[in-house]
Protein backbone atom coordinates (compact mmCIF):
# COMPACT_ATOMS: atom_id res chain seq x y z
CA MET A 1 8.94 26.74 11.82
CA LYS A 2 12.50 25.21 11.75
CA ILE A 3 13.52 22.43 13.18
CA SER A 4 15.87 24.81 15.49
CA GLU A 5 12.51 26.74 16.85
CA ILE A 6 11.27 23.28 18.89
CA LYS A 7 10.58 24.15 21.83
CA PRO A 8 11.66 21.81 24.61
CA GLU A 9 8.87 20.52 26.27
CA VAL A 10 8.02 18.94 22.50
CA TRP A 11 11.84 16.97 22.77
CA GLU A 12 11.02 16.21 26.30
CA MET A 13 7.86 14.69 24.33
CA ALA A 14 10.06 12.78 22.09
CA ARG A 15 12.04 11.35 24.19
CA LYS A 16 9.48 9.95 26.66
CA ALA A 17 8.03 8.30 23.50
CA GLU A 18 11.40 6.86 22.51
CA GLU A 19 11.18 5.01 25.29
CA ARG A 20 7.52 3.63 24.95
CA CYS A 21 8.69 2.43 21.38
CA ARG A 22 11.61 0.49 22.42
CA ASP A 23 10.32 -2.66 22.42
CA ARG A 24 8.26 -2.13 19.03
CA PHE A 25 11.79 -1.06 17.90
CA ALA A 26 12.93 -4.28 18.57
CA GLU A 27 10.28 -6.60 17.06
CA ILE A 28 10.03 -4.35 13.83
CA ASP A 29 14.11 -4.51 13.51
CA ARG A 30 13.86 -8.57 13.55
CA VAL A 31 11.10 -8.30 10.58
CA ALA A 32 13.19 -6.36 8.42
CA GLU A 33 16.41 -8.28 8.72
CA HIS A 34 14.43 -11.59 8.19
CA ASN A 35 12.81 -9.70 4.83
CA THR A 36 16.08 -8.83 4.19
CA MET A 37 17.33 -12.38 4.10
CA ARG A 38 14.70 -13.31 2.08
CA VAL A 39 15.64 -10.10 -0.51
CA MET A 40 18.97 -11.08 -0.45
CA GLU A 41 18.53 -14.92 -1.58
CA ALA A 42 16.00 -13.95 -4.19
CA PHE A 43 18.57 -11.95 -5.53
CA GLN A 44 21.54 -14.50 -5.65
CA ASP A 45 18.90 -17.50 -6.89
CA ASN A 46 18.39 -14.86 -9.82
CA LYS A 47 21.56 -14.05 -10.37
CA VAL A 48 21.17 -10.15 -10.77
CA SER A 49 24.36 -8.84 -12.43
CA GLU A 50 25.07 -5.50 -14.07
CA SER A 51 23.85 -6.34 -17.65
CA CYS A 52 20.10 -6.21 -15.23
CA PHE A 53 20.59 -2.88 -14.96
CA ALA A 54 20.70 -1.50 -18.09
CA GLY A 55 17.34 -0.19 -20.33
CA THR A 56 15.54 -0.80 -23.45
CA THR A 57 13.71 0.89 -25.71
CA GLY A 58 11.05 1.00 -28.09
CA TYR A 59 9.99 -2.80 -27.93
CA GLY A 60 11.14 -3.84 -24.75
CA TYR A 61 12.40 -7.21 -25.86
CA ASP A 62 14.57 -9.44 -24.20
CA ASP A 63 14.68 -7.09 -21.55
CA LEU A 64 17.21 -8.79 -19.12
CA GLY A 65 16.34 -6.57 -16.38
CA ARG A 66 13.30 -7.04 -16.71
CA GLU A 67 12.53 -10.19 -17.31
CA THR A 68 14.68 -10.66 -13.63
CA LEU A 69 13.00 -8.93 -12.09
CA ASP A 70 10.29 -10.80 -12.26
CA LYS A 71 11.41 -13.76 -11.21
CA ILE A 72 12.62 -12.18 -8.50
CA TYR A 73 8.93 -10.57 -7.20
CA ALA A 74 7.69 -14.01 -7.92
CA GLN A 75 9.77 -15.56 -5.45
CA LEU A 76 9.40 -12.92 -2.60
CA PHE A 77 5.89 -14.08 -3.11
CA GLY A 78 5.23 -16.92 -2.78
CA THR A 79 4.35 -17.47 -6.70
CA GLU A 80 4.45 -18.95 -10.18
CA ALA A 81 4.69 -15.61 -11.89
CA ALA A 82 4.86 -12.18 -11.83
CA LEU A 83 4.35 -8.63 -13.40
CA VAL A 84 6.26 -5.66 -12.57
CA ARG A 85 5.46 -2.92 -15.00
CA ILE A 86 6.40 0.82 -14.75
CA GLY A 87 3.73 1.28 -17.45
CA PHE A 88 1.60 0.93 -14.22
CA VAL A 89 0.29 4.64 -13.47
CA ASN A 90 0.02 3.52 -10.01
CA GLY A 91 -1.24 1.57 -7.38
CA THR A 92 -5.13 1.42 -8.43
CA HIS A 93 -4.07 1.29 -12.76
CA ALA A 94 -2.34 -1.94 -10.96
CA ILE A 95 -4.91 -4.06 -9.13
CA SER A 96 -7.93 -2.48 -11.76
CA THR A 97 -6.10 -4.28 -14.54
CA ALA A 98 -5.70 -7.46 -11.96
CA MET A 99 -9.50 -7.11 -11.16
CA PHE A 100 -10.54 -6.59 -14.73
CA SER A 101 -8.60 -9.72 -15.88
CA LEU A 102 -10.62 -12.08 -13.32
CA VAL A 103 -14.06 -11.32 -14.43
CA LYS A 104 -15.98 -11.61 -17.92
CA PRO A 105 -19.61 -10.58 -19.00
CA GLY A 106 -21.99 -12.13 -16.69
CA ASP A 107 -19.75 -12.68 -13.99
CA THR A 108 -19.96 -11.33 -10.42
CA ILE A 109 -16.73 -9.97 -8.55
CA LEU A 110 -16.99 -9.84 -4.53
CA SER A 111 -15.03 -7.56 -2.29
CA VAL A 112 -15.27 -9.53 1.26
CA SER A 113 -13.63 -6.47 3.00
CA GLY A 114 -16.28 -3.54 2.29
CA THR A 115 -16.37 -0.95 0.05
CA PRO A 116 -12.70 -0.69 -2.05
CA TYR A 117 -10.75 2.43 -1.12
CA ASP A 118 -12.25 6.09 -3.09
CA THR A 119 -10.04 5.39 -6.30
CA ILE A 120 -11.12 1.60 -7.36
CA ARG A 121 -14.43 2.67 -7.15
CA PRO A 122 -15.34 4.68 -10.26
CA ALA A 123 -13.87 1.44 -11.79
CA ILE A 124 -16.47 -0.83 -9.89
CA GLY A 125 -19.18 1.63 -10.65
CA ILE A 126 -19.87 2.56 -7.46
CA SER A 127 -18.92 5.84 -7.56
CA GLY A 128 -18.36 9.08 -10.33
CA ASN A 129 -19.11 8.73 -13.69
CA CYS A 130 -16.84 6.43 -15.29
CA HIS A 131 -17.51 4.59 -18.41
CA GLY A 132 -14.86 1.87 -18.42
CA SER A 133 -17.18 0.28 -14.79
CA LEU A 134 -17.43 -3.33 -14.69
CA LYS A 135 -21.14 -2.41 -15.55
CA PHE A 136 -20.31 -1.36 -18.39
CA TYR A 137 -18.13 -5.15 -19.63
CA GLY A 138 -21.70 -6.73 -18.39
CA ILE A 139 -19.83 -7.42 -14.47
CA ASP A 140 -21.71 -7.18 -11.05
CA TYR A 141 -20.25 -6.54 -8.44
CA ASP A 142 -20.84 -7.52 -4.86
CA GLU A 143 -19.29 -6.76 -1.49
CA VAL A 144 -19.33 -8.11 1.93
CA LYS A 145 -19.14 -5.71 5.26
CA LEU A 146 -16.45 -5.59 7.77
CA LYS A 147 -17.74 -6.69 11.21
CA GLU A 148 -17.98 -3.64 13.88
CA ASP A 149 -14.22 -4.83 15.74
CA SER A 150 -12.89 -4.49 11.96
CA SER A 151 -12.52 -8.40 11.57
CA PRO A 152 -13.98 -10.27 8.42
CA ASP A 153 -17.88 -11.75 8.76
CA TYR A 154 -16.86 -15.64 7.58
CA GLU A 155 -20.02 -16.37 7.59
CA ALA A 156 -21.23 -14.11 5.29
CA ILE A 157 -18.17 -14.68 3.34
CA ALA A 158 -19.18 -18.12 2.89
CA LYS A 159 -22.87 -17.22 1.86
CA ALA A 160 -22.02 -15.31 -0.19
CA CYS A 161 -19.61 -16.96 -2.10
CA ALA A 162 -22.21 -20.29 -2.84
CA ASN A 163 -23.53 -17.78 -5.31
CA PRO A 164 -22.32 -19.92 -8.58
CA LYS A 165 -21.81 -16.09 -10.41
CA VAL A 166 -18.63 -15.06 -8.00
CA THR A 167 -15.52 -16.20 -9.89
CA ALA A 168 -13.30 -13.71 -7.94
CA VAL A 169 -12.75 -12.15 -4.29
CA MET A 170 -11.06 -9.03 -3.32
CA ILE A 171 -9.34 -8.50 -0.05
CA GLN A 172 -7.84 -4.37 0.84
CA ARG A 173 -5.32 -5.45 3.24
CA SER A 174 -5.01 -1.70 4.25
CA ILE A 175 -7.11 0.70 6.04
CA GLY A 176 -7.76 3.27 3.04
CA TYR A 177 -9.61 6.19 4.20
CA ASP A 178 -11.65 3.92 6.14
CA VAL A 179 -11.90 3.89 10.34
CA ARG A 180 -10.93 0.23 11.01
CA ARG A 181 -7.64 -1.57 10.94
CA ALA A 182 -5.19 -3.06 8.04
CA LEU A 183 -6.50 -6.98 8.13
CA SER A 184 -3.84 -9.35 9.37
CA ILE A 185 -1.80 -12.24 7.54
CA LYS A 186 -3.63 -14.71 9.81
CA GLU A 187 -6.74 -13.32 8.91
CA ILE A 188 -6.19 -12.64 5.19
CA ALA A 189 -5.36 -16.75 5.05
CA LYS A 190 -8.68 -17.59 7.02
CA ILE A 191 -10.79 -15.88 4.05
CA CYS A 192 -8.62 -17.76 1.59
CA GLU A 193 -9.72 -20.75 3.55
CA THR A 194 -12.91 -19.85 3.53
CA VAL A 195 -13.40 -18.73 -0.01
CA LYS A 196 -12.06 -22.19 -1.18
CA GLY A 197 -14.17 -23.86 1.43
CA VAL A 198 -16.96 -23.25 -0.69
CA ASN A 199 -15.60 -23.36 -3.92
CA PRO A 200 -12.24 -23.86 -4.80
CA ALA A 201 -12.47 -22.25 -8.56
CA ILE A 202 -13.19 -18.43 -7.00
CA ASN A 203 -9.65 -16.58 -7.60
CA ILE A 204 -8.36 -14.22 -4.02
CA MET A 205 -7.14 -11.32 -5.41
CA VAL A 206 -5.50 -8.86 -2.18
CA ASP A 207 -4.89 -5.01 -2.70
CA ASN A 208 -1.97 -5.27 -0.28
CA CYS A 209 -0.34 -1.76 -0.87
CA TYR A 210 1.38 -0.97 2.17
CA GLY A 211 1.05 -3.72 3.15
CA GLU A 212 4.89 -6.08 1.58
CA PHE A 213 7.05 -6.75 3.86
CA VAL A 214 5.18 -5.17 6.99
CA ASP A 215 4.82 -9.36 8.34
CA THR A 216 7.40 -11.72 7.44
CA ILE A 217 5.20 -13.40 4.87
CA GLU A 218 2.77 -12.27 2.17
CA PRO A 219 -0.84 -12.83 1.32
CA THR A 220 0.31 -15.03 -1.49
CA HIS A 221 1.67 -17.72 1.29
CA VAL A 222 -1.05 -18.17 2.92
CA GLY A 223 -3.53 -18.75 0.01
CA ALA A 224 -4.31 -15.75 -2.42
CA ASP A 225 -3.95 -16.36 -5.78
CA LEU A 226 -3.18 -12.79 -7.15
CA VAL A 227 -1.68 -10.14 -4.87
CA VAL A 228 -1.07 -6.49 -6.29
CA GLY A 229 0.35 -3.06 -5.57
CA SER A 230 2.21 -0.21 -6.20
CA LEU A 231 6.67 0.57 -6.73
CA ILE A 232 5.81 3.94 -5.31
CA LYS A 233 4.90 2.40 -2.01
CA ASN A 234 6.43 -0.64 -0.14
CA PRO A 235 8.31 -2.83 -2.44
CA GLY A 236 10.10 0.58 -4.53
CA GLY A 237 11.56 1.40 -1.61
CA SER A 238 11.69 5.35 -1.98
CA ILE A 239 13.50 4.97 -4.95
CA ALA A 240 11.65 3.21 -7.72
CA PRO A 241 10.01 6.23 -9.90
CA THR A 242 6.76 4.53 -10.95
CA GLY A 243 5.23 2.02 -11.82
CA GLY A 244 3.26 -1.67 -9.79
CA TYR A 245 3.62 -5.29 -9.75
CA ILE A 246 1.21 -7.83 -9.81
CA ALA A 247 2.22 -11.58 -8.59
CA GLY A 248 0.17 -15.19 -8.54
CA LYS A 249 -0.36 -18.02 -10.43
CA LYS A 250 0.39 -18.40 -14.00
CA GLU A 251 -1.97 -18.28 -16.05
CA LEU A 252 -3.76 -15.39 -14.13
CA ILE A 253 -0.24 -13.63 -14.58
CA GLU A 254 -0.81 -14.41 -18.31
CA ASN A 255 -4.16 -12.77 -18.25
CA ALA A 256 -3.26 -10.13 -16.85
CA SER A 257 -0.37 -8.92 -19.01
CA TYR A 258 -3.19 -9.21 -22.11
CA ARG A 259 -5.72 -6.95 -19.99
CA MET A 260 -2.19 -4.18 -19.15
CA THR A 261 -1.11 -4.58 -23.36
CA THR A 262 -2.64 -6.46 -25.40
CA PRO A 263 -3.64 -10.25 -26.08
CA GLY A 264 -0.75 -11.93 -28.01
CA ILE A 265 1.94 -9.53 -26.62
CA GLY A 266 1.01 -9.23 -22.90
CA GLY A 267 4.30 -8.72 -20.68
CA GLU A 268 6.48 -9.88 -23.94
CA CYS A 269 6.68 -6.45 -24.49
CA GLY A 270 7.59 -2.80 -22.57
CA SER A 271 10.36 -0.62 -22.66
CA THR A 272 12.12 -0.18 -19.14
CA LEU A 273 13.79 2.84 -20.32
CA GLY A 274 16.62 2.82 -18.00
CA ASN A 275 14.59 2.44 -14.70
CA ASN A 276 15.49 -1.28 -14.07
CA ARG A 277 18.28 -0.39 -11.40
CA LEU A 278 16.05 1.57 -9.40
CA LEU A 279 14.04 -0.70 -9.20
CA PHE A 280 16.65 -3.35 -8.66
CA GLN A 281 18.13 -1.16 -6.16
CA GLY A 282 14.44 0.20 -4.70
CA LEU A 283 13.81 -3.25 -3.84
CA PHE A 284 16.98 -4.76 -1.81
CA MET A 285 16.24 -1.22 0.47
CA ALA A 286 12.01 -2.19 0.61
CA PRO A 287 12.58 -4.56 3.67
CA HIS A 288 14.31 -1.55 5.48
CA VAL A 289 12.67 1.54 4.40
CA VAL A 290 9.74 -0.58 5.89
CA ALA A 291 10.78 -0.54 8.87
CA GLN A 292 12.03 2.90 9.07
CA ALA A 293 8.19 3.81 8.14
CA LEU A 294 6.76 1.34 10.90
CA LYS A 295 9.23 2.86 13.09
CA THR A 296 7.79 6.66 12.29
CA ALA A 297 4.38 5.31 12.83
CA VAL A 298 5.06 3.66 16.47
CA PHE A 299 6.55 6.67 17.08
CA CYS A 300 3.82 9.10 16.10
CA ALA A 301 1.34 6.60 18.06
CA ALA A 302 3.24 6.90 21.11
CA MET A 303 3.56 10.80 20.75
CA MET A 304 0.10 11.37 19.93
CA GLU A 305 -1.33 9.14 23.01
CA GLN A 306 0.40 11.99 25.28
CA MET A 307 -1.80 14.66 24.50
CA GLY A 308 -4.49 12.49 24.65
CA ILE A 309 -4.93 12.02 20.69
CA GLU A 310 -6.82 8.26 19.64
CA THR A 311 -4.83 6.64 16.87
CA SER A 312 -4.91 3.08 15.35
CA PRO A 313 -2.68 1.25 15.99
CA GLY A 314 -1.69 2.52 18.65
CA VAL A 315 2.19 1.69 20.39
CA GLU A 316 1.54 -2.11 21.07
CA GLY A 317 -0.85 -2.34 18.42
CA GLU A 318 -0.62 -5.48 15.78
CA ARG A 319 0.29 -3.87 12.60
CA SER A 320 -0.37 -5.15 9.03
CA ASP A 321 -0.02 -1.90 6.97
CA ILE A 322 2.29 0.99 7.76
CA ILE A 323 -0.76 3.06 7.78
CA GLU A 324 -0.86 5.07 11.33
CA LEU A 325 -4.95 6.57 11.26
CA ILE A 326 -5.32 9.70 13.92
CA LYS A 327 -8.34 11.05 14.85
CA MET A 328 -8.84 14.74 14.87
CA ASN A 329 -12.42 15.35 15.08
CA SER A 330 -11.92 18.59 13.71
CA PRO A 331 -10.71 20.20 10.10
CA GLU A 332 -8.36 23.07 12.01
CA LYS A 333 -6.41 20.15 13.46
CA LEU A 334 -6.56 18.07 10.29
CA LYS A 335 -5.18 20.69 8.26
CA LYS A 336 -2.21 21.63 10.78
CA PHE A 337 -1.40 18.20 11.68
CA CYS A 338 -0.80 17.86 8.05
CA ALA A 339 1.06 21.83 7.09
CA GLY A 340 3.23 20.50 10.55
CA ILE A 341 4.69 16.97 8.27
CA GLN A 342 4.46 19.60 4.64
CA ALA A 343 7.09 22.08 7.04
CA GLY A 344 9.10 18.63 8.30
CA ALA A 345 9.39 17.15 4.31
CA PRO A 346 12.98 17.80 3.30
CA VAL A 347 10.94 18.57 -0.12
CA ASP A 348 8.85 21.80 -0.17
CA SER A 349 8.87 22.43 3.21
CA TYR A 350 8.19 25.54 2.52
CA VAL A 351 4.69 24.69 1.48
CA THR A 352 1.37 25.37 2.89
CA PRO A 353 -0.99 22.22 2.11
CA GLU A 354 -4.58 22.67 1.30
CA PRO A 355 -7.89 20.70 0.74
CA TRP A 356 -8.06 20.48 -3.26
CA PRO A 357 -10.23 17.78 -6.09
CA MET A 358 -7.73 15.19 -6.10
CA PRO A 359 -9.20 13.38 -8.91
CA GLY A 360 -10.58 9.79 -7.66
CA TYR A 361 -12.12 11.05 -4.57
CA ASP A 362 -16.00 12.70 -4.13
CA CYS A 363 -14.45 15.18 -1.89
CA PRO A 364 -11.40 17.35 -0.55
CA VAL A 365 -8.21 15.51 -0.06
CA ILE A 366 -5.41 17.72 1.81
CA MET A 367 -2.22 16.11 1.28
CA ALA A 368 1.22 16.80 2.90
CA ALA A 369 3.48 15.13 0.49
CA GLY A 370 7.25 16.47 0.66
CA ALA A 371 8.45 13.85 -1.01
CA PHE A 372 11.67 13.11 -3.86
CA ILE A 373 9.02 10.70 -5.66
CA GLN A 374 5.90 12.54 -6.43
CA GLY A 375 3.27 10.94 -4.37
CA ALA A 376 5.08 7.99 -2.48
CA SER A 377 3.45 6.96 0.32
CA ILE A 378 6.12 5.55 1.27
CA GLU A 379 7.76 8.72 2.02
CA LEU A 380 6.87 10.49 4.92
CA SER A 381 3.70 11.58 4.13
CA ALA A 382 -0.42 12.53 5.79
CA ASP A 383 -3.70 12.88 3.77
CA GLY A 384 -7.03 12.91 4.77
CA PRO A 385 -10.44 13.65 2.95
CA MET A 386 -11.90 16.87 4.44
CA ARG A 387 -14.87 14.70 6.46
CA GLU A 388 -16.02 13.79 9.41
CA PRO A 389 -14.72 12.56 11.57
CA TYR A 390 -11.87 14.66 10.09
CA ILE A 391 -8.99 11.86 10.44
CA ALA A 392 -5.32 11.97 9.15
CA TYR A 393 -3.49 8.83 7.49
CA LEU A 394 -0.05 9.21 8.39
CA GLN A 395 2.47 6.56 6.28
CA GLY A 396 6.28 6.43 4.88
CA GLY A 397 9.09 7.84 6.55
CA ILE A 398 12.59 6.93 4.15
CA THR A 399 14.47 7.13 7.65
CA TYR A 400 13.33 6.64 11.42
CA GLU A 401 15.13 10.03 12.15
CA SER A 402 13.27 12.15 9.28
CA GLY A 403 10.30 10.92 9.98
CA LYS A 404 10.93 11.28 13.60
CA LEU A 405 11.54 15.26 13.17
CA GLY A 406 8.54 15.65 10.67
CA ILE A 407 6.30 14.19 13.59
CA ILE A 408 7.82 16.60 16.14
CA MET A 409 6.88 19.36 13.67
CA ALA A 410 3.89 18.08 13.52
CA VAL A 411 3.07 18.24 16.79
CA SER A 412 4.79 21.49 17.16
CA ALA A 413 2.40 22.57 14.73
CA MET A 414 -0.57 21.68 16.61
CA LEU A 415 0.56 23.24 20.26
CA ASP A 416 1.17 26.25 18.43
CA ALA A 417 -2.56 26.68 17.22
């Protein structure tokens, strides 16, 4: 199907959906404006200039752009230091680097938001045959489930943190492939207060993927010691070609840098190979691009509402990440929706996505991702594991206009099925 072939009744659905979304769009724009001012101020305070865009090769010593970008991220996240590197191959790499740097043999790392996202599980040692898992290093893992309403179980968290072996707490802000809502900044703040109230020495790490710039503040503004994410999601603004970041306390960032490279070198090496400009420009664009993704998600919720399909969040629902959960309840509907999103993409629109065994997952996953940057979840994409209840996880949208068209194409594919 081409955009020109969309039926009039679908366009009418879209018109009604936009009317339904008007107030939410206005609030999203207000947050984007606030965050754009924060980014502008950080760029100005750290004297970003043309010389910051020059790349380095080899060891990457004296990379002004890399060092300046670290300072900007630290300022934006309200932390002492940051580590922003194209050497992180994805968010999972950055998260596991931070996680391993917080613990030593005999320690326990505690997840207080239930079982982490699929690709982190092999590193923990609860999925797959990974010889580099926590257990291999003599580190234990424990977790506290969320309550049935997706809220943190503060009483259980306090009890678990009373274990003297717990030295690190991990929080996954976004929903991953779970059937729950994302944790709000207010909830993360209360988790931090609960953990520190039991043992102030415990370090708290937040997997911030999909959550950056959705709110006016970040987890490290409310008590988290480390925050971690991917540059091909929110903070890369659809321009960063690869990479990840870790921001937090200076000592913890130093430990993470040693884990990333090697003790004695840490973050002092690492050539940027001409990518600095893309990282700066992507970050500059990030608040606006995140707003476009949020508008696309809200519009999707309004369209699904008209079709009687359950989503989370709903149009008026609180959002702490860019992901829209859509309950398809059948493999056929999930495939049709993803096929429609792919057909509405600027890249590979002629391709029909099929489930396949992606690395790091325990079942086939279908993924529609016609993106300029491979796997960039800040660009419009939809994916989901081929298991009950067959949920589509929608994220991204570089522009609301293109995101809207992608949703319209997906709805058209479902109605024509």
